[in-house]
Protein backbone atom coordinates (compact mmCIF):
# COMPACT_ATOMS: atom_id res chain seq x y z
CA UNK A 1 -4.62 -3.83 15.83
CA UNK A 2 -4.90 -0.08 15.39
CA UNK A 3 -4.61 0.72 11.66
CA UNK A 4 -4.47 4.22 10.23
CA UNK A 5 -4.87 5.42 6.67
CA UNK A 6 -1.40 5.99 5.23
CA UNK A 7 0.38 3.54 7.54
CA UNK A 8 2.85 1.16 5.94
CA UNK A 9 2.78 -2.42 7.25
CA UNK A 10 4.28 -5.74 6.31
CA UNK A 11 1.55 -7.77 4.58
CA UNK A 12 1.52 -11.46 3.69
CA UNK A 13 -0.15 -11.45 0.28
CA UNK A 14 -1.56 -14.81 -0.83
CA UNK A 15 -0.21 -16.50 -3.94
CA UNK A 16 -1.99 -15.30 -7.06
CA UNK A 17 -1.47 -14.78 -10.77
CA UNK A 18 1.88 -13.78 -12.21
CA UNK A 19 0.85 -10.10 -12.47
CA UNK A 20 -0.28 -9.62 -8.87
CA UNK A 21 2.00 -9.00 -5.92
CA UNK A 22 2.40 -12.01 -3.63
CA UNK A 23 4.39 -12.94 -0.56
CA UNK A 24 5.58 -10.76 2.29
CA UNK A 25 5.99 -7.13 1.27
CA UNK A 26 5.18 -3.66 2.56
CA UNK A 27 1.84 -2.12 1.71
CA UNK A 28 -0.02 1.09 2.44
CA UNK A 29 -3.26 1.00 4.41
CA UNK A 30 -5.82 3.02 2.42
CA UNK A 31 -9.02 2.15 4.25
CA UNK A 32 -10.66 4.72 6.47
CA UNK A 33 -9.79 4.59 10.17
CA UNK A 34 -13.52 4.53 10.98
CA UNK A 35 -14.18 0.96 9.77
CA UNK A 36 -12.37 -1.29 12.29
CA UNK A 37 -15.19 -3.85 12.41
CA UNK A 38 -14.70 -5.05 8.81
CA UNK A 39 -12.77 -8.34 8.45
CA UNK A 40 -10.77 -6.99 5.49
CA UNK A 41 -8.66 -3.91 4.84
CA UNK A 42 -7.92 -2.11 1.56
CA UNK A 43 -4.19 -1.87 0.88
CA UNK A 44 -1.87 -0.76 -1.92
CA UNK A 45 1.22 -2.96 -2.29
CA UNK A 46 4.73 -1.59 -2.69
CA UNK A 47 7.56 -2.99 -4.79
CA UNK A 48 11.26 -2.17 -4.86
CA UNK A 49 11.34 -2.82 -8.62
CA UNK A 50 11.75 0.63 -10.24
CA UNK A 51 10.49 -0.70 -13.61
CA UNK A 52 6.99 -0.89 -12.10
CA UNK A 53 6.81 2.91 -12.24
CA UNK A 54 6.13 2.68 -15.98
CA UNK A 55 2.52 1.70 -15.28
CA UNK A 56 -0.27 4.23 -14.74
CA UNK A 57 -1.37 4.45 -11.12
CA UNK A 58 2.12 4.28 -9.62
CA UNK A 59 4.42 6.68 -7.81
CA UNK A 60 7.70 6.48 -5.93
CA UNK A 61 7.95 6.47 -2.14
CA UNK A 62 11.34 7.45 -0.75
CA UNK A 63 13.14 5.35 1.82
CA UNK A 64 13.14 7.30 5.09
CA UNK A 65 12.89 6.93 8.83
CA UNK A 66 9.26 8.10 8.74
CA UNK A 67 8.16 5.63 6.03
CA UNK A 68 10.16 2.80 7.57
CA UNK A 69 11.27 1.74 4.09
CA UNK A 70 14.94 0.89 3.57
CA UNK A 71 14.83 1.26 -0.23
CA UNK A 72 12.97 3.56 -2.61
CA UNK A 73 9.75 1.78 -3.51
CA UNK A 74 6.95 2.09 -6.03
CA UNK A 75 3.35 2.26 -4.79
CA UNK A 76 1.12 0.16 -7.04
CA UNK A 77 -2.24 1.91 -6.70
CA UNK A 78 -3.54 -0.07 -9.68
CA UNK A 79 -3.19 -3.20 -7.53
CA UNK A 80 -5.52 -2.00 -4.76
CA UNK A 81 -6.63 -5.08 -2.83
CA UNK A 82 -8.82 -6.08 0.09
CA UNK A 83 -6.91 -8.42 2.37
CA UNK A 84 -7.87 -10.27 5.54
CA UNK A 85 -6.78 -8.47 8.70
CA UNK A 86 -4.90 -11.58 9.82
CA UNK A 87 -2.40 -10.98 6.98
CA UNK A 88 -1.30 -7.61 8.40
CA UNK A 89 2.04 -7.63 10.16
CA UNK A 90 4.36 -5.15 11.79
CA UNK A 91 3.96 -1.42 11.18
CA UNK A 92 6.98 0.05 9.41
CA UNK A 93 6.00 3.73 9.32
CA UNK A 94 3.68 6.02 7.39
CA UNK A 95 3.47 7.98 4.16
CA UNK A 96 4.12 11.67 4.45
CA UNK A 97 1.01 13.81 3.78
CA UNK A 98 2.14 14.71 0.23
CA UNK A 99 2.56 11.06 -0.72
CA UNK A 100 -0.82 10.19 0.81
CA UNK A 101 -2.40 12.98 -1.28
CA UNK A 102 -0.66 11.60 -4.40
CA UNK A 103 -1.99 8.13 -3.63
CA UNK A 104 -5.51 9.50 -3.27
CA UNK A 105 -5.25 11.23 -6.67
CA UNK A 106 -4.17 7.96 -8.32
CA UNK A 107 -6.97 5.98 -6.65
CA UNK A 108 -9.63 8.54 -7.65
CA UNK A 109 -8.37 8.46 -11.23
CA UNK A 110 -8.19 4.65 -11.42
CA UNK A 111 -11.68 4.28 -9.93
CA UNK A 112 -13.18 7.23 -11.85
CA UNK A 113 -14.28 8.93 -8.63
């Protein structure tokens, strides 16, 4: 599967604690395109719950034809996760360049890079 940084795919997240996203939901691929041989991929989950935007490390992603999202969603950069490639499903769309830049700012801040 050809994955690109900024793509939004359906992901089947494994069951986990009450605070972590689980189940089938869209997520943003954040791993570099140059590492296809790794068995895992870094992703940032999305939620349609607007209350999640109260947490640091979040931002809203508009529903649009280019993103493939049908509802406004919140990117949860603070829940950055490595997931097995077998959990990646259908591609929905991609973040626009401004949203990808915003995501990168949040990740650098959260990781003190």
